[in-house]
């Protein structure tokens, strides 16, 4: 069974994975400390544009990937709006109490969750597992035994999905009813768990046989370095944050500059 989705390679795919990870982690913490909703809205909009046009995936795939994060945006924003605290009451109906302060705090928290989700999507959609772990070993000096262990675990995920589909087809052919709570879980969980344990044991033995102990120097088949696209990456996100801050401060959408 195929789980592969076609995508167009963009310049974000050519950047150094470790540098991209560091830049996006810095942006992650920067978003956490932005308390001006105007700046945060600008950051979220810029990340959304980059998500749509910089990842290289078809529009229908991006829609389904973005939908859960949009639902998180709606749920977090509405929860803070309806149950937050404030002094300027807009709507009061039973337990629901919407104030001016809670409304803008809800908008702020919603866009913060959206921005964090977009950062994660941009990184995951433009980074391949193999170059990522090779870059972590070469640039960030991650021990090979941890890198190859994580890489092996990542490669097991599509295999487990195929095995789940195979078990499902086998049960259907044998006429096993697709109902029942705990019994249905046992029908799928026990075969998947046993196969995973066997495969993990074989991988561990293979890694020991190839001396993935982390001691001594190692050579790499893939050499991950830096290039012009890495300069573009740093310059793009620096310009993005500067533009979002400048426009949010000097041309605000709302008069509130701090929601704390």
Protein backbone atom coordinates (compact mmCIF):
# COMPACT_ATOMS: atom_id res chain seq x y z
CA UNK A 1 0.00 0.00 0.00
CA UNK A 2 1.41 3.39 -0.98
CA UNK A 3 1.47 6.26 1.50
CA UNK A 4 3.62 8.55 -0.60
CA UNK A 5 2.49 12.05 -1.55
CA UNK A 6 4.08 13.80 -4.48
CA UNK A 7 5.59 17.21 -3.87
CA UNK A 8 7.65 19.77 -5.75
CA UNK A 9 11.13 20.42 -4.38
CA UNK A 10 11.59 24.05 -3.33
CA UNK A 11 14.62 25.93 -2.08
CA UNK A 12 13.52 25.23 1.49
CA UNK A 13 14.21 21.55 0.86
CA UNK A 14 17.82 22.43 -0.05
CA UNK A 15 18.64 24.22 3.20
CA UNK A 16 20.72 22.64 5.94
CA UNK A 17 18.31 20.71 8.22
CA UNK A 18 20.18 21.54 11.44
CA UNK A 19 20.26 25.25 10.63
CA UNK A 20 16.59 25.16 9.71
CA UNK A 21 15.80 23.41 12.99
CA UNK A 22 17.74 26.00 15.01
CA UNK A 23 16.11 28.93 13.19
CA UNK A 24 12.60 27.56 13.64
CA UNK A 25 13.22 26.73 17.32
CA UNK A 26 14.36 30.33 17.86
CA UNK A 27 11.20 31.54 16.11
CA UNK A 28 9.17 29.15 18.27
CA UNK A 29 10.38 30.81 21.45
CA UNK A 30 10.10 34.26 19.89
CA UNK A 31 6.41 33.63 19.17
CA UNK A 32 5.88 32.61 22.80
CA UNK A 33 7.09 36.03 24.00
CA UNK A 34 5.15 38.17 21.49
CA UNK A 35 2.36 39.91 23.40
CA UNK A 36 1.33 42.39 20.70
CA UNK A 37 -1.59 40.81 18.77
CA UNK A 38 -0.87 42.98 15.73
CA UNK A 39 2.66 41.60 15.44
CA UNK A 40 1.47 38.04 16.03
CA UNK A 41 -1.20 38.32 13.33
CA UNK A 42 1.45 39.51 10.86
CA UNK A 43 3.76 36.63 11.79
CA UNK A 44 0.95 34.10 11.36
CA UNK A 45 -0.05 35.51 7.97
CA UNK A 46 3.55 35.48 6.73
CA UNK A 47 4.04 31.88 7.88
CA UNK A 48 0.77 30.89 6.22
CA UNK A 49 1.93 32.37 2.89
CA UNK A 50 5.24 30.52 3.21
CA UNK A 51 3.34 27.32 4.07
CA UNK A 52 1.16 27.63 0.97
CA UNK A 53 3.82 28.61 -1.58
CA UNK A 54 7.12 27.40 -0.09
CA UNK A 55 6.51 23.78 0.83
CA UNK A 56 5.80 22.49 -2.69
CA UNK A 57 2.79 20.33 -1.86
CA UNK A 58 -0.54 20.32 -3.73
CA UNK A 59 -3.33 22.55 -2.47
CA UNK A 60 -5.59 19.66 -1.42
CA UNK A 61 -2.81 18.13 0.71
CA UNK A 62 -2.04 21.48 2.34
CA UNK A 63 -5.74 21.98 3.08
CA UNK A 64 -6.05 18.72 5.02
CA UNK A 65 -2.77 19.31 6.83
CA UNK A 66 -3.79 22.83 7.80
CA UNK A 67 -7.35 21.93 8.86
CA UNK A 68 -6.49 20.43 12.30
CA UNK A 69 -4.40 23.48 13.21
CA UNK A 70 -7.22 25.78 12.09
CA UNK A 71 -9.57 23.86 14.38
CA UNK A 72 -7.06 24.30 17.21
CA UNK A 73 -7.03 28.03 16.43
CA UNK A 74 -10.83 28.21 16.60
CA UNK A 75 -11.11 26.12 19.78
CA UNK A 76 -8.39 27.91 21.75
CA UNK A 77 -9.57 31.36 20.68
CA UNK A 78 -13.24 30.66 21.41
CA UNK A 79 -12.47 29.07 24.79
CA UNK A 80 -10.56 32.13 25.96
CA UNK A 81 -13.16 34.49 24.52
CA UNK A 82 -16.14 32.85 26.21
CA UNK A 83 -14.62 31.89 29.57
CA UNK A 84 -11.86 34.45 30.11
CA UNK A 85 -11.79 37.30 32.59
CA UNK A 86 -12.24 41.01 32.01
CA UNK A 87 -14.06 44.13 33.12
CA UNK A 88 -15.66 45.39 29.88
CA UNK A 89 -18.55 42.98 29.32
CA UNK A 90 -19.79 42.42 25.79
CA UNK A 91 -21.98 39.32 26.19
CA UNK A 92 -23.14 37.45 29.30
CA UNK A 93 -25.28 34.37 28.90
CA UNK A 94 -25.12 31.66 31.55
CA UNK A 95 -21.56 30.44 31.89
CA UNK A 96 -20.51 32.34 28.79
CA UNK A 97 -18.99 35.72 29.60
CA UNK A 98 -17.35 37.56 26.70
CA UNK A 99 -15.43 40.70 27.57
CA UNK A 100 -13.26 42.99 25.49
CA UNK A 101 -10.15 41.75 27.32
CA UNK A 102 -11.02 38.06 26.95
CA UNK A 103 -11.90 38.51 23.27
CA UNK A 104 -8.53 39.98 22.32
CA UNK A 105 -6.68 37.51 24.54
CA UNK A 106 -8.53 34.73 22.73
CA UNK A 107 -7.53 36.14 19.35
CA UNK A 108 -3.95 36.42 20.54
CA UNK A 109 -3.76 32.86 21.88
CA UNK A 110 -5.45 31.50 18.77
CA UNK A 111 -2.93 33.13 16.43
CA UNK A 112 -0.09 32.00 18.68
CA UNK A 113 -1.23 28.38 18.41
CA UNK A 114 -1.64 28.82 14.66
CA UNK A 115 1.85 30.28 14.25
CA UNK A 116 3.44 27.45 16.25
CA UNK A 117 1.58 24.89 14.20
CA UNK A 118 2.67 26.51 10.93
CA UNK A 119 6.30 26.48 12.07
CA UNK A 120 6.07 22.76 12.70
CA UNK A 121 4.35 22.12 9.37
CA UNK A 122 6.94 24.11 7.40
CA UNK A 123 9.77 22.18 9.02
CA UNK A 124 8.24 18.73 8.64
CA UNK A 125 7.13 19.26 5.04
CA UNK A 126 10.50 20.60 3.84
CA UNK A 127 12.83 18.26 5.75
CA UNK A 128 13.63 14.67 4.88
CA UNK A 129 14.47 12.29 7.78
CA UNK A 130 17.75 10.96 6.33
CA UNK A 131 19.37 14.38 5.65
CA UNK A 132 18.08 15.61 9.03
CA UNK A 133 19.79 12.90 11.06
CA UNK A 134 22.95 13.04 8.97
CA UNK A 135 23.06 16.79 9.57
CA UNK A 136 22.47 16.32 13.30
CA UNK A 137 25.43 13.93 13.43
CA UNK A 138 27.72 16.14 11.35
CA UNK A 139 26.82 19.67 12.46
CA UNK A 140 25.38 19.17 15.96
CA UNK A 141 27.52 16.12 16.85
CA UNK A 142 24.63 13.86 17.75
CA UNK A 143 25.92 10.37 18.60
CA UNK A 144 25.36 7.91 15.73
CA UNK A 145 23.70 5.30 17.96
CA UNK A 146 20.91 7.75 18.81
CA UNK A 147 20.59 9.13 15.28
CA UNK A 148 20.37 5.73 13.59
CA UNK A 149 17.96 4.50 16.27
CA UNK A 150 15.58 7.39 15.61
CA UNK A 151 16.00 6.94 11.86
CA UNK A 152 15.15 3.25 12.12
CA UNK A 153 12.06 4.11 14.18
CA UNK A 154 10.92 6.63 11.56
CA UNK A 155 11.31 4.05 8.82
CA UNK A 156 9.18 1.58 10.81
CA UNK A 157 6.12 3.84 10.74
CA UNK A 158 5.08 3.22 7.11
CA UNK A 159 5.79 -0.50 7.59
CA UNK A 160 3.42 -0.57 10.56
CA UNK A 161 0.74 1.19 8.52
CA UNK A 162 1.07 -1.42 5.77
CA UNK A 163 0.90 -4.23 8.32
CA UNK A 164 -2.24 -2.69 9.84
CA UNK A 165 -3.85 -2.63 6.40
CA UNK A 166 -2.78 -6.24 5.74
CA UNK A 167 -4.32 -7.41 9.03
CA UNK A 168 -7.50 -5.51 8.23
CA UNK A 169 -7.78 -7.18 4.81
CA UNK A 170 -7.05 -10.60 6.33
CA UNK A 171 -9.79 -10.22 8.94
CA UNK A 172 -12.23 -9.06 6.26
CA UNK A 173 -11.48 -12.07 4.04
CA UNK A 174 -11.99 -14.44 6.98
CA UNK A 175 -15.35 -12.86 7.76
CA UNK A 176 -14.40 -11.49 11.18
CA UNK A 177 -16.96 -8.80 12.12
CA UNK A 178 -15.51 -5.32 12.39
CA UNK A 179 -17.11 -4.53 15.72
CA UNK A 180 -16.43 -4.85 19.41
CA UNK A 181 -14.43 -2.60 21.72
CA UNK A 182 -11.62 -4.39 23.55
CA UNK A 183 -11.73 -7.46 21.32
CA UNK A 184 -11.24 -5.31 18.21
CA UNK A 185 -8.24 -3.60 19.81
CA UNK A 186 -6.71 -7.00 20.69
CA UNK A 187 -7.17 -8.30 17.13
CA UNK A 188 -5.01 -5.46 15.80
CA UNK A 189 -2.72 -4.68 18.75
CA UNK A 190 -1.29 -8.15 19.43
CA UNK A 191 -0.08 -8.90 15.85
CA UNK A 192 1.27 -5.38 15.40
CA UNK A 193 3.06 -5.46 18.76
CA UNK A 194 4.62 -8.88 18.16
CA UNK A 195 5.84 -7.93 14.68
CA UNK A 196 7.26 -4.66 16.01
CA UNK A 197 9.16 -6.45 18.78
CA UNK A 198 10.67 -8.94 16.32
CA UNK A 199 11.65 -6.20 13.88
CA UNK A 200 13.13 -4.02 16.62
CA UNK A 201 15.21 -6.97 17.87
CA UNK A 202 16.56 -7.63 14.36
CA UNK A 203 17.44 -3.95 13.93
CA UNK A 204 19.22 -3.90 17.31
CA UNK A 205 21.27 -6.96 16.41
CA UNK A 206 22.16 -5.45 13.02
CA UNK A 207 23.24 -2.18 14.64
CA UNK A 208 25.43 -4.03 17.13
CA UNK A 209 26.96 -6.10 14.32
CA UNK A 210 27.83 -2.90 12.44
CA UNK A 211 29.31 -1.39 15.63
CA UNK A 212 26.88 1.47 16.10
CA UNK A 213 28.23 2.04 19.59
CA UNK A 214 29.17 5.70 19.23
CA UNK A 215 32.83 5.10 20.07
CA UNK A 216 35.46 6.16 17.56
CA UNK A 217 35.16 8.21 14.42
CA UNK A 218 32.71 7.41 11.64
CA UNK A 219 32.48 8.25 7.96
CA UNK A 220 29.23 9.27 6.26
CA UNK A 221 27.82 8.37 2.88
CA UNK A 222 25.98 11.71 2.72
CA UNK A 223 27.95 14.87 3.45
CA UNK A 224 25.62 17.65 4.60
CA UNK A 225 27.01 21.18 4.36
CA UNK A 226 25.93 24.78 3.96
CA UNK A 227 25.09 26.77 0.84
CA UNK A 228 23.45 29.90 -0.50
CA UNK A 229 19.98 28.69 0.45
CA UNK A 230 20.96 28.73 4.11
CA UNK A 231 21.76 32.44 3.80
CA UNK A 232 18.37 32.92 2.15
CA UNK A 233 16.71 31.06 5.02
CA UNK A 234 18.22 33.23 7.76
CA UNK A 235 17.63 36.42 5.76
CA UNK A 236 14.02 35.48 5.00
CA UNK A 237 13.00 34.80 8.59
CA UNK A 238 14.92 37.82 9.89
CA UNK A 239 13.13 40.03 7.34
CA UNK A 240 9.83 38.33 8.18
CA UNK A 241 10.12 39.08 11.88
CA UNK A 242 11.33 42.64 11.30
CA UNK A 243 8.51 43.39 8.85
CA UNK A 244 5.91 41.81 11.15
CA UNK A 245 7.14 43.89 14.09
CA UNK A 246 7.43 47.14 12.13
CA UNK A 247 4.00 46.87 10.51
CA UNK A 248 2.36 45.67 13.73
CA UNK A 249 3.75 48.59 15.74
CA UNK A 250 3.42 51.42 13.22
CA UNK A 251 0.33 50.25 11.31
CA UNK A 252 -1.70 48.28 13.86
CA UNK A 253 -5.01 46.61 13.07
CA UNK A 254 -6.30 47.17 16.58
CA UNK A 255 -5.42 49.71 19.26
CA UNK A 256 -4.27 47.09 21.80
CA UNK A 257 -0.50 46.63 21.91
CA UNK A 258 -0.24 44.24 24.88
CA UNK A 259 -2.83 41.67 25.92
CA UNK A 260 -1.24 40.70 29.24
